[in-house]
Structures are given as structure tokens and as C-alpha cells.
Amino acid sequence: MAEQTASGYIQHHLQNLTYGQLPNGDWGFAHTAQEAKEMGFWAFHVDTLGWSVGLGLLFVLLFRMAAKKATSGQPGGLQNFVEVLVDFVDTSVKDSFHGRSPVIAPLALTIFVWVFLMNAIDLIPVDWIPMLAVLISGDSHIPFRAVSTTDPNATLGMALSVFALIIFYSIKVKGIGGFIGELTLHPFGSKNLFVQALLIPVNFLLEFVTLIAKPISLALRLFGNMYAGELVFILIAVMFGSGLLWLSALGIVLQWAWAVFHILIITLQAFIFMMLTIVYLSMAHEDNH
């Protein structure tokens, strides 16, 4: 029974608050993983959307507040913090981006801060936000996940947005012919036109796989690391429900130790997502003829 309870606890914490069309035709929230699955493609993860939009607005409001209160005299704490972040991102862009674009630096800053904020929610104890959702809804069975980056839909959505920019700038800088040529005439080439024509399918296969791997690697890297981190927190939380004092005491130690280590992970993952975005867009701006 204890094993089933622990299993149900883990499954409940790993399920999103999903809104969609129920099997009976009505629209509402799914209470089980099976109901969420039956809703199909047009179901919405309300918790993921809500937290990602809310934290995005928090980022905008904080930076807007810092910009409005900016002074050339003695800066406040918020202004100092924002200036450090802006300088850090600006240096990263200058070191990795070799083209000229007014979009890359603001985009990199947005990605870094937004992903960091979404990741940082993982440091809140795993039961607090789901319990708050239960109190607000009055439904003791409703699931709720607060860490948007543990949802592959969110990470893939961000990665596909970056991918769209990669395609856009590749065509803008190189032209449609140059973009198609990059996909079909590299890495293997020949002065013989017949041989070159034979190599086009091979080149396209290799380059297309490389191109598609960019958004997939962006999405899965962030999702995998954050999902694993959240799962560790949940497994540690299970220890508190064991009823054994020594196991609960061990859980407290492990909770704090993993939280301290996880601070590095959430920061590193935001940095990696930002840096790969900069590098991929830099490659899109390079015209190799």
C-alpha cells in the first residue's frame, strides 16, 4: 500500500493541469493522466502556460522598473543587478555572435532571465504550490506543476521559436538560393557536375539532420535536466511520508543539499540555452558562399 501511495504521489506531481475536451464532449480539466491523454493534441497545459506567461511579465516589469529608476548617480540594488546582467549578456553576445543585428542581445537577455525564472520555481518545496492549487480550486485530486521547463511542450515551443529565427536569418543573409545551396552542396563537393548532382541527396540528408537537431537538442537538454531535478526533489519528498524519523531527517539534509546544487543547474541550463541560441543565430548570419 505504501508503495502504491508513493507511486501515486509521484505520478500526481508529474502531471500537468490539463484543460481540453473530455471523452463525453464537454470541456474541462483532466483529473487523471488517462483523461489528459484522451483530450488529444488540442489540450492545454494551463499550469505551464500560466507560469511561463506570469514569469515573463515579471521579467518585463522588473526591467521596466529598473529602466525608469535608472540614474547616473548612485544606483540602487535593482539597477546594479540589471546592469550586471546586461553587461554579462552583452559580453557573451560580443564573444559568440560575429554578425550585426539589433535583435540578438535583447533576445539573449530575454531567454536567459526568462528561462532562469522558470527554472528557479523548482527551488520552492514540491508540495507548496500544488497544495495552494488544491485550496484555491477546492478539488483535492487536481494536479498542478509549477516548473514550466519540466514540460517538453514549453521547451520545444521556445526551441521552435529560435529555430524559426534561424531559418529567417539564414534566408535573409544568404538568400533562398544560398540557403538551399548550403543544405545540398555541403559538406561533400565536386567539380564534376554529374558527381555533384549525385552528392546532393547525401548532403541534404546530413545537413537537414544537423539543422533539425538544433531545436530538438535545445528543447530536450533543458527539459531533461529540469525534469530530472524535479524528480529528485519529489523522491526526497517521498521520504518525509515514510513515517520513519531517521528517514525524514535524512530527507531534510538531502533536500537542502540538492537545493544548493540545483541552484547551479538552473543557472547553467539558462546560460546554455542562451549561448546555443547565440551560436546558432551567429551561424545563420555567416555567408560561406
Protein backbone atom coordinates (compact mmCIF):
# COMPACT_ATOMS: atom_id res chain seq x y z
CA MET A 1 0.00 0.00 0.00
CA ALA A 2 2.87 2.35 0.89
CA GLU A 3 4.48 1.65 -2.47
CA GLN A 4 1.21 2.40 -4.28
CA THR A 5 0.79 5.63 -2.31
CA ALA A 6 4.33 6.74 -3.14
CA SER A 7 3.78 5.85 -6.80
CA GLY A 8 0.51 7.80 -6.90
CA TYR A 9 2.19 10.77 -5.19
CA ILE A 10 4.96 10.83 -7.79
CA GLN A 11 2.54 10.47 -10.72
CA HIS A 12 0.32 13.23 -9.34
CA HIS A 13 3.25 15.65 -9.04
CA LEU A 14 4.43 14.87 -12.57
CA GLN A 15 1.02 15.51 -14.17
CA ASN A 16 0.10 18.88 -15.65
CA LEU A 17 -3.15 20.73 -15.08
CA THR A 18 -4.68 19.96 -18.48
CA TYR A 19 -7.73 21.65 -19.99
CA GLY A 20 -9.44 20.22 -23.05
CA GLN A 21 -12.36 18.28 -24.42
CA LEU A 22 -13.34 15.32 -22.25
CA PRO A 23 -14.46 11.98 -23.76
CA ASN A 24 -18.13 12.90 -23.12
CA GLY A 25 -17.75 16.01 -25.30
CA ASP A 26 -17.64 18.56 -22.50
CA TRP A 27 -14.68 20.88 -21.95
CA GLY A 28 -12.96 20.86 -18.60
CA PHE A 29 -9.90 19.87 -16.59
CA ALA A 30 -8.42 16.38 -16.62
CA HIS A 31 -8.15 14.68 -13.22
CA THR A 32 -6.13 11.69 -14.36
CA ALA A 33 -3.30 11.08 -16.80
CA GLN A 34 -5.65 8.93 -18.90
CA GLU A 35 -8.19 11.76 -19.21
CA ALA A 36 -5.40 14.15 -20.24
CA LYS A 37 -4.22 11.67 -22.86
CA GLU A 38 -7.74 11.25 -24.27
CA MET A 39 -8.03 15.03 -24.77
CA GLY A 40 -5.60 14.77 -27.66
CA PHE A 41 -3.49 17.43 -29.35
CA TRP A 42 -5.67 20.45 -28.58
CA ALA A 43 -5.38 20.13 -24.82
CA PHE A 44 -3.75 23.00 -22.93
CA HIS A 45 -1.36 22.71 -20.01
CA VAL A 46 -2.82 25.57 -18.00
CA ASP A 47 -0.14 25.50 -15.31
CA THR A 48 2.70 25.66 -17.84
CA LEU A 49 1.08 28.50 -19.79
CA GLY A 50 0.15 30.41 -16.66
CA TRP A 51 3.57 30.26 -15.01
CA SER A 52 5.54 30.94 -18.18
CA VAL A 53 3.42 33.99 -19.08
CA GLY A 54 3.38 35.22 -15.48
CA LEU A 55 7.15 34.95 -15.07
CA GLY A 56 7.64 36.58 -18.46
CA LEU A 57 5.56 39.54 -17.27
CA LEU A 58 7.55 39.62 -14.03
CA PHE A 59 10.75 39.89 -16.06
CA VAL A 60 9.34 42.75 -18.13
CA LEU A 61 8.03 44.63 -15.09
CA LEU A 62 11.28 44.31 -13.13
CA PHE A 63 13.44 45.52 -16.01
CA ARG A 64 10.96 48.30 -16.83
CA MET A 65 11.08 49.40 -13.20
CA ALA A 66 14.89 49.38 -13.27
CA ALA A 67 14.91 51.40 -16.52
CA LYS A 68 12.50 54.02 -15.16
CA LYS A 69 14.51 54.44 -11.95
CA ALA A 70 17.92 54.36 -13.65
CA THR A 71 20.24 57.13 -12.60
CA SER A 72 23.77 58.22 -13.44
CA GLY A 73 24.38 58.86 -9.75
CA GLN A 74 24.48 56.20 -7.06
CA PRO A 75 22.43 53.28 -8.42
CA GLY A 76 20.09 51.19 -6.33
CA GLY A 77 20.27 47.45 -5.84
CA LEU A 78 17.85 46.62 -8.67
CA GLN A 79 19.71 48.86 -11.12
CA ASN A 80 23.04 47.28 -10.14
CA PHE A 81 21.61 43.79 -10.62
CA VAL A 82 20.10 44.62 -14.02
CA GLU A 83 23.31 46.33 -15.20
CA VAL A 84 25.38 43.28 -14.22
CA LEU A 85 23.01 41.01 -16.17
CA VAL A 86 23.01 43.27 -19.21
CA ASP A 87 26.81 43.52 -19.21
CA PHE A 88 27.13 39.76 -18.83
CA VAL A 89 24.79 39.03 -21.73
CA ASP A 90 26.32 41.78 -23.87
CA THR A 91 29.80 40.30 -23.36
CA SER A 92 28.53 36.81 -24.23
CA VAL A 93 26.94 38.11 -27.44
CA LYS A 94 30.08 40.03 -28.47
CA ASP A 95 32.25 36.95 -27.89
CA SER A 96 30.00 34.49 -29.76
CA PHE A 97 28.00 36.45 -32.35
CA HIS A 98 30.01 37.58 -35.36
CA GLY A 99 27.29 39.34 -37.33
CA ARG A 100 25.46 42.61 -36.82
CA SER A 101 21.89 42.55 -35.52
CA PRO A 102 19.99 44.69 -33.02
CA VAL A 103 17.82 41.70 -32.10
CA ILE A 104 20.37 39.19 -30.77
CA ALA A 105 21.38 40.89 -27.50
CA PRO A 106 17.80 41.65 -26.31
CA LEU A 107 16.76 38.14 -27.36
CA ALA A 108 19.66 36.59 -25.44
CA LEU A 109 18.84 38.64 -22.33
CA THR A 110 15.17 37.65 -22.53
CA ILE A 111 15.99 33.97 -22.91
CA PHE A 112 18.48 33.90 -20.05
CA VAL A 113 16.31 35.72 -17.50
CA TRP A 114 13.04 34.07 -18.54
CA VAL A 115 14.43 30.52 -18.52
CA PHE A 116 16.21 31.20 -15.22
CA LEU A 117 12.98 32.40 -13.59
CA MET A 118 11.06 29.36 -14.82
CA ASN A 119 13.83 27.06 -13.59
CA ALA A 120 14.04 28.82 -10.22
CA ILE A 121 10.46 27.82 -9.32
CA ASP A 122 11.91 24.33 -8.83
CA LEU A 123 13.53 25.57 -5.61
CA ILE A 124 10.10 26.03 -3.99
CA PRO A 125 9.16 22.91 -1.95
CA VAL A 126 7.32 20.50 -4.23
CA ASP A 127 4.10 20.37 -2.18
CA TRP A 128 3.54 24.08 -1.59
CA ILE A 129 2.23 25.16 -4.99
CA PRO A 130 0.12 22.00 -5.65
CA MET A 131 -1.43 22.38 -2.17
CA LEU A 132 -2.19 26.03 -2.92
CA ALA A 133 -3.88 24.96 -6.17
CA VAL A 134 -5.98 22.45 -4.19
CA LEU A 135 -7.02 25.13 -1.67
CA ILE A 136 -7.99 27.57 -4.44
CA SER A 137 -9.87 25.03 -6.55
CA GLY A 138 -11.38 23.00 -3.72
CA ASP A 139 -10.52 19.84 -5.67
CA SER A 140 -8.17 17.53 -3.76
CA HIS A 141 -7.36 15.49 -6.88
CA ILE A 142 -6.38 18.31 -9.21
CA PRO A 143 -2.74 18.16 -10.41
CA PHE A 144 -0.55 21.22 -10.75
CA ARG A 145 3.06 21.59 -11.96
CA ALA A 146 4.74 24.94 -11.48
CA VAL A 147 8.07 24.39 -13.25
CA SER A 148 7.31 25.20 -16.89
CA THR A 149 10.67 23.92 -18.16
CA THR A 150 9.82 20.39 -16.95
CA ASP A 151 7.12 20.37 -19.62
CA PRO A 152 8.54 19.39 -23.05
CA ASN A 153 5.80 21.44 -24.71
CA ALA A 154 7.27 24.63 -23.21
CA THR A 155 10.91 23.87 -24.00
CA LEU A 156 10.05 22.71 -27.51
CA GLY A 157 7.94 25.83 -28.07
CA MET A 158 10.88 28.06 -27.15
CA ALA A 159 13.27 25.97 -29.24
CA LEU A 160 10.99 26.13 -32.29
CA SER A 161 10.81 29.92 -31.92
CA VAL A 162 14.61 30.04 -32.03
CA PHE A 163 14.53 27.63 -34.99
CA ALA A 164 12.16 29.96 -36.86
CA LEU A 165 14.67 32.80 -36.32
CA ILE A 166 17.48 30.58 -37.60
CA ILE A 167 15.57 29.89 -40.84
CA PHE A 168 14.54 33.54 -41.18
CA TYR A 169 18.06 34.94 -40.82
CA SER A 170 19.59 32.17 -42.94
CA ILE A 171 17.33 33.14 -45.84
CA LYS A 172 17.69 36.87 -45.17
CA VAL A 173 21.50 36.80 -45.17
CA LYS A 174 22.14 34.10 -47.78
CA GLY A 175 19.02 34.29 -49.90
CA ILE A 176 16.80 31.34 -50.72
CA GLY A 177 19.34 30.02 -53.23
CA GLY A 178 22.19 30.31 -50.76
CA PHE A 179 20.17 28.60 -48.03
CA ILE A 180 19.20 25.72 -50.33
CA GLY A 181 22.77 25.51 -51.58
CA GLU A 182 24.03 25.28 -48.01
CA LEU A 183 21.73 22.31 -47.46
CA THR A 184 22.59 20.50 -50.69
CA LEU A 185 26.17 21.39 -51.70
CA HIS A 186 27.93 20.79 -48.37
CA PRO A 187 29.85 19.07 -46.88
CA PHE A 188 30.75 17.00 -49.96
CA GLY A 189 31.51 18.75 -53.24
CA SER A 190 32.94 18.00 -56.65
CA LYS A 191 33.91 19.98 -59.74
CA ASN A 192 32.18 17.33 -61.82
CA LEU A 193 28.54 18.41 -62.16
CA PHE A 194 27.29 14.83 -62.50
CA VAL A 195 29.07 13.74 -59.33
CA GLN A 196 27.86 16.86 -57.54
CA ALA A 197 24.28 16.04 -58.55
CA LEU A 198 24.71 12.53 -57.10
CA LEU A 199 26.01 14.01 -53.85
CA ILE A 200 23.04 16.36 -53.37
CA PRO A 201 20.78 13.75 -51.63
CA VAL A 202 23.64 12.75 -49.30
CA ASN A 203 24.46 16.36 -48.47
CA PHE A 204 20.81 17.22 -47.91
CA LEU A 205 20.34 14.27 -45.55
CA LEU A 206 23.37 15.21 -43.48
CA GLU A 207 22.67 18.94 -43.37
CA PHE A 208 18.93 18.51 -42.76
CA VAL A 209 19.59 16.23 -39.80
CA THR A 210 22.07 18.80 -38.45
CA LEU A 211 19.52 21.58 -38.93
CA ILE A 212 16.65 19.72 -37.26
CA ALA A 213 18.92 18.61 -34.40
CA LYS A 214 19.34 22.23 -33.27
CA PRO A 215 15.81 22.84 -31.90
CA ILE A 216 15.49 19.26 -30.67
CA SER A 217 18.76 19.45 -28.73
CA LEU A 218 17.80 22.86 -27.31
CA ALA A 219 14.43 21.57 -26.10
CA LEU A 220 15.44 18.16 -24.79
CA ARG A 221 18.58 19.36 -22.99
CA LEU A 222 16.64 21.89 -20.93
CA PHE A 223 13.67 19.60 -20.37
CA GLY A 224 15.78 16.56 -19.42
CA ASN A 225 17.90 18.37 -16.85
CA MET A 226 14.99 20.18 -15.20
CA TYR A 227 12.74 17.11 -15.24
CA ALA A 228 15.45 15.05 -13.55
CA GLY A 229 15.99 17.76 -10.96
CA GLU A 230 12.28 17.97 -10.16
CA LEU A 231 12.06 14.19 -9.92
CA VAL A 232 14.88 14.14 -7.36
CA PHE A 233 13.00 16.71 -5.24
CA ILE A 234 9.84 14.59 -5.45
CA LEU A 235 11.68 11.41 -4.48
CA ILE A 236 13.21 13.19 -1.49
CA ALA A 237 9.74 14.44 -0.52
CA VAL A 238 8.51 10.83 -0.52
CA MET A 239 10.98 10.15 2.31
CA PHE A 240 9.05 12.54 4.57
CA GLY A 241 5.93 10.40 4.24
CA SER A 242 7.66 7.17 5.24
CA GLY A 243 6.79 7.57 8.93
CA LEU A 244 10.40 6.87 9.93
CA LEU A 245 12.08 9.63 11.88
CA TRP A 246 15.61 8.86 10.67
CA LEU A 247 14.46 8.76 7.05
CA SER A 248 12.67 12.11 7.42
CA ALA A 249 15.80 13.61 8.99
CA LEU A 250 17.87 12.31 6.09
CA GLY A 251 15.32 13.81 3.70
CA ILE A 252 15.83 17.26 5.25
CA VAL A 253 19.59 17.03 4.73
CA LEU A 254 19.21 15.77 1.17
CA GLN A 255 16.60 18.44 0.38
CA TRP A 256 18.94 21.28 1.36
CA ALA A 257 21.98 19.69 -0.29
CA TRP A 258 20.16 19.13 -3.58
CA ALA A 259 18.62 22.62 -3.48
CA VAL A 260 22.08 24.21 -3.15
CA PHE A 261 23.42 22.07 -6.01
CA HIS A 262 20.30 22.74 -8.07
CA ILE A 263 20.96 26.49 -7.99
CA LEU A 264 23.97 25.77 -10.20
CA ILE A 265 21.88 23.60 -12.51
CA ILE A 266 19.08 26.12 -13.06
CA THR A 267 21.59 28.88 -13.79
CA LEU A 268 23.72 26.70 -16.05
CA GLN A 269 20.75 25.49 -18.08
CA ALA A 270 19.55 29.05 -18.67
CA PHE A 271 23.07 30.03 -19.73
CA ILE A 272 23.43 27.05 -22.08
CA PHE A 273 20.07 27.74 -23.75
CA MET A 274 21.09 31.37 -24.26
CA MET A 275 24.58 30.55 -25.56
CA LEU A 276 23.38 27.92 -28.02
CA THR A 277 20.79 30.38 -29.32
CA ILE A 278 23.52 32.98 -29.88
CA VAL A 279 25.81 30.46 -31.59
CA TYR A 280 23.05 29.09 -33.85
CA LEU A 281 21.99 32.59 -34.89
CA SER A 282 25.63 33.53 -35.49
CA MET A 283 25.94 30.55 -37.82
CA ALA A 284 22.77 31.66 -39.61
CA HIS A 285 24.38 35.08 -40.26
CA GLU A 286 27.51 33.59 -41.79
CA ASP A 287 27.53 33.64 -45.60
CA ASN A 288 30.00 30.98 -46.73
CA HIS A 289 29.11 31.33 -50.42
